[in-house]
Amino acid sequence: MIEDARKSAAVDSAYGYIKAVEYEIGLDELKNKNRFKDGKEDVENLDINVKGTKPTYGEIEIKNKNIIYANMCINGYMVTYENEKAKAFDRCTGSYDKTGPEIILGQVSGTTNSLTIPFEVVDNESEIKEIKCYYGIDKKYEKEGKIENNKCVITGLKNNTLYNYKIEATNAGGITSTKEDSETTRNFEGVEIKVDTADWAQSKEITIIGSTEGAELQYQINAKEEDNWIEIKDGHTFTLKENGTIYARLYDGVNASNEVDMTILNIDTTGPLCGSWSGESTIWTNENRTIKVECMDSESGCKQSSYTKTYSTTTKTSTSSITISDIVGNTTICTPPNALNIYVDKTAPTISVLPANSSVRYKSGSYAALICTDGHSGVAESKWTDEAGLVTTGKDYVLQPLISIGTLSYNGECIDNLGNSSKVNKTYNIISTTGTGVQSCSISENYSVSLCSSSGGRCLPGTTSDQLCTCHLCK
């Protein structure tokens, strides 16, 4: 409290002294003595009558017959006067510092959102009391920076913008020096999105390149939402598996660079569509038959316009699928909507011979039956050929009379409508005995027994339909 009272008294004395000096200036002007000129004057050189305490030492600055500035030691305290206001500082050091501190600016460094201004403050007379720095886009210097280790640090700036700054240093004598300059914050470097956009593919490798000191590289896909940016490193590569738009930028926490975008439209992950089927036929053939399905694709395109399946074995109808592919390798399994008509017959007819047992002795006058069946193109002809070369023909079946006595060989052949044939050889032991054995009938696959002769074990056709039985005597 005592110290504050002393400072207050020193301020009052300063006001009194300033008033007395301005009074003398006014008298000097009236008397036209021209004693007081614009500029600085040491108070020790001024002979001023004043009630109260006079300054021990110091200086005043006169401009247009008014005191605009004073820095004086009064009652042991340094008092400054500026803008018509006086303020007391620390005690006087016993010597008067008439010059302000020297401010030396260093090389400015900066980022897109900050400036760092190194400086050195030198005062060979009194100590440095206070250092501050100010900045602004114009020279109003409305904002204050932060002093850190002989550096003025300014943050939160706009990128690529010219800022004026001022370093202000005050010494113990109350004299303030300033140093002004300007610097432009850095701008962002460019951002580049690299991708092979020409060729279709199932996925794309995306590489994003860009770096600026103090800023992070960011990207997002499809939606530009402020909270959805993904931070990455320069030269980051990732895989895009569907079409979309890539956005990339640099962000320093305050400012963002111009966004770079690229729309990817040639990623194909969808298999082709199955088109129409062709190549069917209901006409039997023993050649290979090829079935074809068309391929349709609106993206990368079909690898082939159509795909085929060839049937080289006996097949009447088929529901087998065919796999089609697009250029990038997506596939689709095409299954026909209905069973396809193939009608390929490469199988010979099936032969059955009655009687089947060649080791049994048969009575002369019996018959051997050659029965041909074919479930594909159908039987065209049945042939029995005896040892003498006599050919007996029919269609689905033919009878060979067993007349001659002894061991006889017979050749049978079945031919279908495409020329596929199957052959068989049978040897029978024919005797002439009349015997009283029991009749036995073997029934062919496609016929039922309707009527068999009871005399001589002879086989006869039926009377009501194309029926056949083969009868023989059993020993």
Protein backbone atom coordinates (compact mmCIF):
# COMPACT_ATOMS: atom_id res chain seq x y z
CA MET A 1 0.00 0.00 0.00
CA ILE A 2 2.87 2.32 0.83
CA GLU A 3 4.51 1.50 -2.53
CA ASP A 4 1.27 2.17 -4.41
CA ALA A 5 0.87 5.49 -2.56
CA ARG A 6 4.39 6.52 -3.53
CA LYS A 7 3.76 5.61 -7.17
CA SER A 8 0.54 7.61 -7.08
CA ALA A 9 2.37 10.62 -5.69
CA ALA A 10 4.98 10.31 -8.44
CA VAL A 11 2.21 10.25 -11.07
CA ASP A 12 0.61 13.38 -9.53
CA SER A 13 3.97 15.15 -9.58
CA ALA A 14 4.39 14.15 -13.24
CA TYR A 15 1.04 15.71 -14.14
CA GLY A 16 2.05 18.85 -12.27
CA TYR A 17 5.38 19.02 -14.02
CA ILE A 18 3.83 18.46 -17.48
CA LYS A 19 1.32 21.23 -16.77
CA ALA A 20 4.08 23.61 -15.67
CA VAL A 21 6.15 22.89 -18.81
CA GLU A 22 3.15 23.44 -21.10
CA TYR A 23 2.50 26.73 -19.23
CA GLU A 24 6.08 27.85 -19.93
CA ILE A 25 5.68 26.87 -23.58
CA GLY A 26 2.62 29.07 -23.78
CA LEU A 27 4.46 32.05 -22.26
CA ASP A 28 7.37 31.48 -24.57
CA GLU A 29 5.08 31.65 -27.56
CA LEU A 30 3.53 34.91 -26.31
CA LYS A 31 6.95 36.46 -25.75
CA ASN A 32 8.14 35.02 -29.05
CA LYS A 33 11.33 33.80 -27.48
CA ASN A 34 11.19 30.50 -29.41
CA ARG A 35 12.84 28.55 -26.58
CA PHE A 36 10.78 25.37 -27.07
CA LYS A 37 11.01 23.53 -30.39
CA ASP A 38 9.45 20.26 -31.56
CA GLY A 39 11.52 17.28 -30.47
CA LYS A 40 12.95 15.75 -27.35
CA GLU A 41 14.38 17.71 -24.42
CA ASP A 42 16.20 16.54 -21.30
CA VAL A 43 14.39 17.73 -18.20
CA GLU A 44 17.77 18.58 -16.67
CA ASN A 45 18.14 21.34 -19.28
CA LEU A 46 14.75 22.93 -18.55
CA ASP A 47 14.44 25.70 -15.96
CA ILE A 48 10.84 25.20 -14.89
CA ASN A 49 9.17 26.54 -11.77
CA VAL A 50 6.80 23.92 -10.41
CA LYS A 51 4.94 23.32 -7.18
CA GLY A 52 5.83 19.87 -5.95
CA THR A 53 8.61 17.52 -6.85
CA LYS A 54 10.53 18.03 -10.06
CA PRO A 55 11.97 15.13 -12.10
CA THR A 56 15.47 14.11 -11.23
CA TYR A 57 16.22 13.21 -14.82
CA GLY A 58 14.39 12.17 -17.94
CA GLU A 59 13.12 13.61 -21.18
CA ILE A 60 10.02 15.05 -22.75
CA GLU A 61 8.90 15.20 -26.38
CA ILE A 62 7.25 18.31 -27.75
CA LYS A 63 5.08 18.49 -30.83
CA ASN A 64 2.98 21.47 -31.91
CA LYS A 65 3.53 23.22 -28.54
CA ASN A 66 2.21 20.16 -26.66
CA ILE A 67 3.98 17.44 -24.72
CA ILE A 68 3.11 14.15 -26.39
CA TYR A 69 5.53 11.94 -24.48
CA ALA A 70 7.65 12.02 -21.29
CA ASN A 71 9.80 9.52 -19.45
CA MET A 72 11.04 10.86 -16.10
CA CYS A 73 12.39 9.82 -12.71
CA ILE A 74 10.19 11.41 -10.02
CA ASN A 75 10.35 10.60 -6.33
CA GLY A 76 12.51 7.59 -7.18
CA TYR A 77 10.05 6.09 -9.69
CA MET A 78 10.13 6.04 -13.48
CA VAL A 79 7.01 7.69 -14.82
CA THR A 80 5.93 7.70 -18.46
CA TYR A 81 3.48 10.13 -19.98
CA GLU A 82 1.75 9.28 -23.25
CA ASN A 83 -1.66 10.05 -24.74
CA GLU A 84 -2.22 12.48 -21.83
CA LYS A 85 -1.89 9.69 -19.27
CA ALA A 86 0.93 9.08 -16.81
CA LYS A 87 1.98 5.75 -15.34
CA ALA A 88 4.61 4.90 -12.71
CA PHE A 89 6.83 1.86 -13.10
CA ASP A 90 9.66 0.45 -11.03
CA ARG A 91 12.11 2.51 -9.05
CA CYS A 92 14.64 4.56 -10.91
CA THR A 93 17.98 2.84 -11.44
CA GLY A 94 19.94 5.97 -10.71
CA SER A 95 20.80 6.49 -14.34
CA TYR A 96 18.50 7.49 -17.15
CA ASP A 97 18.03 5.37 -20.23
CA LYS A 98 17.24 7.69 -23.07
CA THR A 99 17.11 5.14 -25.86
CA GLY A 100 14.74 2.29 -26.51
CA PRO A 101 15.76 -1.35 -26.99
CA GLU A 102 17.17 -2.52 -30.32
CA ILE A 103 15.06 -5.23 -31.98
CA ILE A 104 16.69 -7.54 -34.53
CA LEU A 105 14.38 -9.83 -36.53
CA GLY A 106 15.50 -13.27 -37.67
CA GLN A 107 14.46 -15.55 -40.55
CA VAL A 108 10.72 -16.21 -40.39
CA SER A 109 9.48 -19.77 -40.72
CA GLY A 110 5.90 -20.79 -41.19
CA THR A 111 3.29 -23.36 -42.15
CA THR A 112 -0.11 -23.03 -43.74
CA ASN A 113 -1.59 -21.88 -40.42
CA SER A 114 1.29 -20.39 -38.42
CA LEU A 115 4.25 -18.03 -38.44
CA THR A 116 7.30 -18.19 -36.18
CA ILE A 117 9.35 -14.99 -35.99
CA PRO A 118 12.70 -15.23 -34.20
CA PHE A 119 14.08 -12.00 -32.75
CA GLU A 120 16.79 -10.57 -30.54
CA VAL A 121 16.30 -7.58 -28.23
CA VAL A 122 19.36 -5.62 -27.09
CA ASP A 123 19.49 -2.74 -24.54
CA ASN A 124 22.92 -1.68 -23.25
CA GLU A 125 21.59 0.88 -20.75
CA SER A 126 18.73 -0.65 -18.78
CA GLU A 127 17.09 -4.05 -18.60
CA ILE A 128 14.36 -5.28 -20.91
CA LYS A 129 11.13 -5.06 -19.03
CA GLU A 130 8.53 -6.47 -21.46
CA ILE A 131 8.30 -7.95 -24.95
CA LYS A 132 5.08 -8.46 -26.90
CA CYS A 133 4.13 -9.26 -30.48
CA TYR A 134 1.03 -8.32 -32.44
CA TYR A 135 -0.31 -9.21 -35.87
CA GLY A 136 -3.11 -8.63 -38.31
CA ILE A 137 -4.00 -8.80 -41.97
CA ASP A 138 -3.77 -5.03 -42.04
CA LYS A 139 -1.63 -2.85 -39.78
CA LYS A 140 -4.19 -2.52 -37.03
CA TYR A 141 -2.42 -5.33 -35.19
CA GLU A 142 -5.61 -6.33 -33.44
CA LYS A 143 -4.37 -9.75 -32.29
CA GLU A 144 -1.53 -10.72 -30.01
CA GLY A 145 0.89 -13.58 -30.60
CA LYS A 146 2.76 -15.65 -28.05
CA ILE A 147 6.36 -15.03 -26.97
CA GLU A 148 8.30 -18.29 -26.63
CA ASN A 149 12.10 -18.50 -26.29
CA ASN A 150 12.84 -15.28 -28.20
CA LYS A 151 10.28 -16.14 -30.84
CA CYS A 152 6.92 -14.65 -31.68
CA VAL A 153 4.61 -17.60 -32.43
CA ILE A 154 1.38 -16.85 -34.28
CA THR A 155 -1.12 -19.67 -34.88
CA GLY A 156 -4.60 -20.18 -36.30
CA LEU A 157 -3.83 -18.28 -39.51
CA LYS A 158 -5.29 -18.54 -42.97
CA ASN A 159 -3.14 -20.25 -45.59
CA ASN A 160 -1.49 -18.26 -48.39
CA THR A 161 -2.29 -14.95 -46.67
CA LEU A 162 -0.08 -11.91 -46.04
CA TYR A 163 0.13 -11.01 -42.33
CA ASN A 164 1.72 -7.88 -40.83
CA TYR A 165 3.42 -8.37 -37.49
CA LYS A 166 5.06 -6.10 -34.91
CA ILE A 167 7.53 -6.87 -32.13
CA GLU A 168 7.27 -4.43 -29.23
CA ALA A 169 9.97 -4.23 -26.51
CA THR A 170 9.97 -1.93 -23.43
CA ASN A 171 13.05 -1.35 -21.26
CA ALA A 172 13.27 -0.56 -17.55
CA GLY A 173 13.42 3.10 -18.41
CA GLY A 174 9.91 2.81 -19.86
CA ILE A 175 11.01 3.39 -23.45
CA THR A 176 9.30 1.15 -26.00
CA SER A 177 10.73 0.19 -29.38
CA THR A 178 8.87 -1.58 -32.18
CA LYS A 179 9.87 -3.50 -35.28
CA GLU A 180 7.39 -4.24 -38.05
CA ASP A 181 7.45 -6.55 -41.02
CA SER A 182 5.18 -8.90 -42.94
CA GLU A 183 5.16 -12.51 -44.09
CA THR A 184 2.85 -14.75 -46.14
CA THR A 185 1.75 -18.07 -44.75
CA ARG A 186 2.49 -21.12 -46.85
CA ASN A 187 0.04 -22.55 -49.29
CA PHE A 188 -0.79 -26.25 -49.65
CA GLU A 189 1.10 -28.40 -52.10
CA GLY A 190 -0.94 -30.24 -54.72
CA VAL A 191 -2.83 -33.48 -54.12
CA GLU A 192 -2.96 -36.18 -56.80
CA ILE A 193 -5.11 -39.29 -57.19
CA LYS A 194 -3.49 -42.01 -59.28
CA VAL A 195 -5.45 -44.91 -60.77
CA ASP A 196 -5.63 -46.82 -64.04
CA THR A 197 -8.95 -45.52 -65.33
CA ALA A 198 -8.73 -46.98 -68.83
CA ASP A 199 -9.15 -50.72 -68.38
CA TRP A 200 -12.00 -52.58 -66.76
CA ALA A 201 -11.14 -54.60 -63.65
CA GLN A 202 -12.81 -56.32 -60.70
CA SER A 203 -11.08 -53.79 -58.39
CA LYS A 204 -8.80 -50.77 -58.68
CA GLU A 205 -5.64 -49.80 -56.84
CA ILE A 206 -5.98 -46.15 -55.78
CA THR A 207 -2.88 -44.15 -54.79
CA ILE A 208 -3.18 -40.68 -53.24
CA ILE A 209 -0.11 -38.43 -53.21
CA GLY A 210 0.35 -35.07 -51.49
CA SER A 211 2.18 -33.57 -48.52
CA THR A 212 2.61 -30.20 -46.84
CA GLU A 213 4.45 -29.61 -43.58
CA GLY A 214 1.99 -29.39 -40.71
CA ALA A 215 -0.93 -30.82 -42.71
CA GLU A 216 -2.48 -34.29 -42.95
CA LEU A 217 -3.48 -36.00 -46.19
CA GLN A 218 -7.14 -37.08 -46.08
CA TYR A 219 -9.61 -38.87 -48.34
CA GLN A 220 -13.16 -40.19 -48.41
CA ILE A 221 -15.34 -42.11 -50.85
CA ASN A 222 -18.63 -40.94 -52.36
CA ALA A 223 -19.84 -38.65 -49.55
CA LYS A 224 -18.21 -35.32 -48.70
CA GLU A 225 -18.98 -35.14 -44.99
CA GLU A 226 -16.69 -33.16 -42.72
CA ASP A 227 -16.56 -35.87 -40.04
CA ASN A 228 -15.83 -38.72 -42.44
CA TRP A 229 -12.36 -37.77 -43.68
CA ILE A 230 -9.84 -40.59 -43.33
CA GLU A 231 -6.29 -39.56 -42.49
CA ILE A 232 -3.55 -41.27 -44.49
CA LYS A 233 0.13 -40.87 -45.27
CA ASP A 234 1.54 -39.50 -48.49
CA GLY A 235 1.64 -42.18 -51.16
CA HIS A 236 -1.15 -44.22 -49.53
CA THR A 237 -2.57 -47.04 -51.66
CA PHE A 238 -5.84 -48.87 -51.09
CA THR A 239 -8.15 -51.12 -53.10
CA LEU A 240 -11.48 -49.87 -54.41
CA LYS A 241 -13.92 -52.74 -55.04
CA GLU A 242 -16.87 -50.81 -56.43
CA ASN A 243 -17.43 -47.76 -58.60
CA GLY A 244 -17.39 -44.46 -56.76
CA THR A 245 -15.91 -40.98 -56.43
CA ILE A 246 -12.68 -40.43 -54.48
CA TYR A 247 -12.16 -37.08 -52.73
CA ALA A 248 -8.74 -36.08 -51.36
CA ARG A 249 -7.35 -32.99 -49.59
CA LEU A 250 -4.74 -31.66 -47.17
CA TYR A 251 -5.91 -30.36 -43.78
CA ASP A 252 -3.86 -28.49 -41.16
CA GLY A 253 -6.45 -28.30 -38.41
CA VAL A 254 -7.56 -24.84 -39.52
CA ASN A 255 -7.46 -24.75 -43.29
CA ALA A 256 -8.15 -27.31 -46.00
CA SER A 257 -6.64 -27.39 -49.45
CA ASN A 258 -8.73 -27.48 -52.58
CA GLU A 259 -10.30 -30.92 -52.90
CA VAL A 260 -9.24 -33.22 -55.70
CA ASP A 261 -11.80 -35.73 -56.90
CA MET A 262 -11.89 -38.60 -59.35
CA THR A 263 -14.86 -40.73 -60.35
CA ILE A 264 -14.15 -44.40 -61.06
CA LEU A 265 -16.67 -46.01 -63.42
CA ASN A 266 -14.97 -49.14 -64.79
CA ILE A 267 -14.96 -51.55 -61.87
CA ASP A 268 -16.97 -54.63 -62.85
CA THR A 269 -17.97 -57.09 -60.12
CA THR A 270 -21.12 -58.45 -61.77
CA GLY A 271 -21.24 -61.59 -63.84
CA PRO A 272 -22.64 -61.48 -67.40
CA LEU A 273 -26.24 -62.34 -68.27
CA CYS A 274 -27.34 -65.56 -69.97
CA GLY A 275 -28.88 -65.00 -73.36
CA SER A 276 -30.79 -67.30 -75.69
CA TRP A 277 -30.01 -70.99 -76.26
CA SER A 278 -29.61 -72.54 -79.71
CA GLY A 279 -28.47 -75.74 -81.39
CA GLU A 280 -31.33 -78.02 -80.22
CA SER A 281 -32.82 -80.69 -82.48
CA THR A 282 -35.26 -83.57 -82.20
CA ILE A 283 -33.69 -85.32 -85.18
CA TRP A 284 -31.42 -88.13 -84.10
CA THR A 285 -27.79 -88.05 -85.21
CA ASN A 286 -24.70 -90.09 -84.53
CA GLU A 287 -22.51 -87.00 -84.99
CA ASN A 288 -21.53 -84.65 -82.15
CA ARG A 289 -24.08 -81.93 -81.40
CA THR A 290 -23.13 -78.48 -80.05
CA ILE A 291 -25.47 -76.39 -77.91
CA LYS A 292 -24.81 -72.63 -77.68
CA VAL A 293 -25.85 -69.92 -75.19
CA GLU A 294 -25.42 -66.21 -75.92
CA CYS A 295 -23.50 -63.95 -73.47
CA MET A 296 -24.61 -60.40 -72.60
CA ASP A 297 -22.70 -57.84 -70.47
CA SER A 298 -23.13 -54.06 -70.31
CA GLU A 299 -19.94 -53.35 -68.31
CA SER A 300 -16.57 -54.85 -69.22
CA GLY A 301 -18.21 -56.97 -71.93
CA CYS A 302 -18.28 -60.70 -72.55
CA LYS A 303 -15.04 -62.53 -73.08
CA GLN A 304 -16.84 -64.39 -75.91
CA SER A 305 -20.09 -63.54 -77.62
CA SER A 306 -21.37 -67.07 -76.99
CA TYR A 307 -20.34 -70.23 -75.16
CA THR A 308 -20.90 -73.83 -76.24
CA LYS A 309 -21.14 -77.35 -74.91
CA THR A 310 -20.60 -80.32 -77.25
CA TYR A 311 -22.31 -83.67 -76.66
CA SER A 312 -20.26 -86.59 -78.01
CA THR A 313 -22.05 -89.48 -76.26
CA THR A 314 -25.57 -90.78 -76.54
CA THR A 315 -27.86 -88.12 -75.07
CA LYS A 316 -31.48 -87.42 -75.72
CA THR A 317 -32.14 -84.39 -73.50
CA SER A 318 -29.96 -82.47 -71.06
CA THR A 319 -30.21 -79.79 -68.40
CA SER A 320 -26.44 -79.38 -68.13
CA SER A 321 -25.25 -75.81 -67.45
CA ILE A 322 -22.68 -73.72 -69.33
CA THR A 323 -20.41 -71.22 -67.58
CA ILE A 324 -19.96 -67.84 -69.28
CA SER A 325 -17.42 -65.12 -68.40
CA ASP A 326 -16.86 -61.39 -68.85
CA ILE A 327 -13.55 -59.80 -69.76
CA VAL A 328 -12.40 -59.22 -66.16
CA GLY A 329 -13.22 -62.78 -65.03
CA ASN A 330 -16.68 -62.56 -63.46
CA THR A 331 -18.59 -65.73 -64.30
CA THR A 332 -22.22 -66.83 -64.48
CA ILE A 333 -23.54 -70.40 -64.61
CA CYS A 334 -26.26 -70.59 -67.25
CA THR A 335 -28.82 -73.36 -66.76
CA PRO A 336 -31.38 -73.89 -69.56
CA PRO A 337 -34.96 -73.04 -68.59
CA ASN A 338 -36.12 -76.41 -69.95
CA ALA A 339 -34.46 -79.70 -70.89
CA LEU A 340 -32.53 -79.23 -74.12
CA ASN A 341 -33.16 -81.58 -77.07
CA ILE A 342 -29.80 -83.16 -77.90
CA TYR A 343 -30.78 -86.37 -79.73
CA VAL A 344 -27.29 -87.82 -80.19
CA ASP A 345 -27.30 -91.63 -80.66
CA LYS A 346 -23.96 -93.38 -80.68
CA THR A 347 -25.16 -96.55 -78.95
CA ALA A 348 -25.86 -99.77 -80.83
CA PRO A 349 -29.18 -101.59 -80.24
CA THR A 350 -29.49 -104.17 -77.50
CA ILE A 351 -29.61 -107.84 -78.66
CA SER A 352 -31.60 -110.59 -76.96
CA VAL A 353 -31.65 -114.18 -78.29
CA LEU A 354 -34.22 -116.83 -77.40
CA PRO A 355 -33.63 -119.60 -76.56
CA ALA A 356 -30.63 -118.17 -74.73
CA ASN A 357 -29.02 -121.43 -73.54
CA SER A 358 -26.83 -122.91 -76.30
CA SER A 359 -25.85 -126.00 -74.27
CA VAL A 360 -29.38 -127.46 -74.34
CA ARG A 361 -30.34 -129.87 -77.16
CA TYR A 362 -33.32 -128.63 -79.14
CA LYS A 363 -35.78 -130.53 -81.29
CA SER A 364 -35.70 -130.01 -85.02
CA GLY A 365 -38.44 -127.63 -86.09
CA SER A 366 -37.94 -125.23 -83.18
CA TYR A 367 -37.20 -121.52 -83.75
CA ALA A 368 -34.49 -119.19 -82.52
CA ALA A 369 -35.71 -115.57 -82.04
CA LEU A 370 -33.41 -112.53 -82.47
CA ILE A 371 -34.95 -109.59 -80.56
CA CYS A 372 -33.58 -106.03 -81.11
CA THR A 373 -34.41 -103.10 -78.86
CA ASP A 374 -33.22 -99.48 -79.09
CA GLY A 375 -34.38 -96.63 -76.85
CA HIS A 376 -32.84 -93.88 -78.96
CA SER A 377 -33.10 -93.58 -82.75
CA GLY A 378 -34.97 -96.94 -82.95
CA VAL A 379 -34.33 -100.31 -84.63
CA ALA A 380 -34.07 -100.24 -88.38
CA GLU A 381 -33.38 -103.94 -89.10
CA SER A 382 -32.79 -107.35 -87.48
CA LYS A 383 -30.80 -110.08 -89.31
CA TRP A 384 -30.26 -113.79 -88.79
CA THR A 385 -27.63 -115.44 -91.01
CA ASP A 386 -27.23 -119.23 -91.01
CA GLU A 387 -24.16 -121.27 -91.91
CA ALA A 388 -25.22 -121.42 -95.54
CA GLY A 389 -25.32 -117.64 -95.71
CA LEU A 390 -29.06 -117.45 -95.82
CA VAL A 391 -30.24 -114.12 -94.39
CA THR A 392 -33.55 -113.76 -92.68
CA THR A 393 -34.54 -110.16 -91.88
CA GLY A 394 -37.13 -108.38 -89.82
CA LYS A 395 -37.43 -105.25 -87.78
CA ASP A 396 -37.66 -105.50 -84.01
CA TYR A 397 -37.32 -109.28 -84.10
CA VAL A 398 -36.74 -112.13 -86.55
CA LEU A 399 -37.24 -115.95 -86.23
CA GLN A 400 -34.63 -118.46 -87.39
CA PRO A 401 -36.03 -122.03 -87.93
CA LEU A 402 -33.82 -124.69 -86.35
CA ILE A 403 -34.34 -127.38 -89.00
CA SER A 404 -31.06 -129.07 -89.78
CA ILE A 405 -29.90 -131.85 -87.51
CA GLY A 406 -26.57 -131.34 -85.75
CA THR A 407 -24.57 -128.42 -84.32
CA LEU A 408 -25.46 -125.25 -86.17
CA SER A 409 -24.10 -121.68 -85.79
CA TYR A 410 -26.14 -118.56 -86.49
CA ASN A 411 -25.04 -114.88 -86.68
CA GLY A 412 -27.43 -112.20 -85.50
CA GLU A 413 -27.20 -108.43 -86.07
CA CYS A 414 -29.27 -105.47 -84.90
CA ILE A 415 -28.99 -102.12 -86.73
CA ASP A 416 -30.56 -98.85 -85.55
CA ASN A 417 -31.79 -96.02 -87.79
CA LEU A 418 -28.37 -94.28 -87.69
CA GLY A 419 -26.35 -97.37 -88.67
CA ASN A 420 -25.15 -98.24 -85.17
CA SER A 421 -25.09 -102.03 -85.01
CA SER A 422 -24.55 -104.82 -82.52
CA LYS A 423 -23.83 -108.50 -83.35
CA VAL A 424 -24.14 -111.89 -81.70
CA ASN A 425 -23.26 -115.52 -82.55
CA LYS A 426 -25.26 -118.49 -81.32
CA THR A 427 -24.63 -122.24 -81.71
CA TYR A 428 -27.45 -124.76 -81.14
CA ASN A 429 -27.43 -128.61 -80.91
CA ILE A 430 -30.43 -129.74 -83.00
CA ILE A 431 -31.87 -133.27 -82.60
CA SER A 432 -34.80 -135.08 -84.31
CA THR A 433 -36.38 -136.85 -81.32
CA THR A 434 -40.02 -136.18 -80.64
CA GLY A 435 -39.79 -136.61 -76.79
CA THR A 436 -42.48 -135.64 -74.32
CA GLY A 437 -40.67 -132.92 -72.45
CA VAL A 438 -42.36 -130.00 -70.76
CA GLN A 439 -42.79 -126.89 -72.76
CA SER A 440 -41.13 -123.77 -71.40
CA CYS A 441 -41.50 -120.27 -72.76
CA SER A 442 -39.11 -117.36 -72.31
CA ILE A 443 -40.74 -113.98 -72.87
CA SER A 444 -39.00 -111.14 -74.66
CA GLU A 445 -38.79 -107.71 -73.14
CA ASN A 446 -41.44 -106.09 -75.28
CA TYR A 447 -43.96 -108.93 -75.65
CA SER A 448 -46.20 -111.11 -73.54
CA VAL A 449 -47.22 -114.75 -74.14
CA SER A 450 -50.58 -115.06 -75.76
CA LEU A 451 -50.48 -118.34 -77.62
CA CYS A 452 -47.91 -121.10 -77.97
CA SER A 453 -48.41 -124.23 -80.05
CA SER A 454 -48.54 -127.39 -77.97
CA SER A 455 -47.39 -129.55 -80.88
CA GLY A 456 -43.72 -130.04 -81.51
CA GLY A 457 -42.62 -127.21 -79.23
CA ARG A 458 -42.96 -124.78 -82.10
CA CYS A 459 -43.19 -121.00 -81.49
CA LEU A 460 -45.99 -119.14 -83.18
CA PRO A 461 -46.91 -115.48 -83.35
CA GLY A 462 -49.89 -114.38 -81.33
CA THR A 463 -53.23 -113.83 -82.85
CA THR A 464 -54.37 -110.63 -81.16
CA SER A 465 -51.23 -108.44 -81.35
CA ASP A 466 -47.58 -108.50 -82.27
CA GLN A 467 -46.75 -111.00 -79.57
CA LEU A 468 -44.00 -113.52 -79.44
CA CYS A 469 -43.00 -116.47 -77.31
CA THR A 470 -40.15 -118.89 -77.78
CA CYS A 471 -40.85 -122.48 -76.82
CA HIS A 472 -38.51 -125.46 -76.59
CA LEU A 473 -38.38 -128.90 -75.05
CA CYS A 474 -36.51 -129.36 -71.80
CA LYS A 475 -34.55 -132.59 -71.27
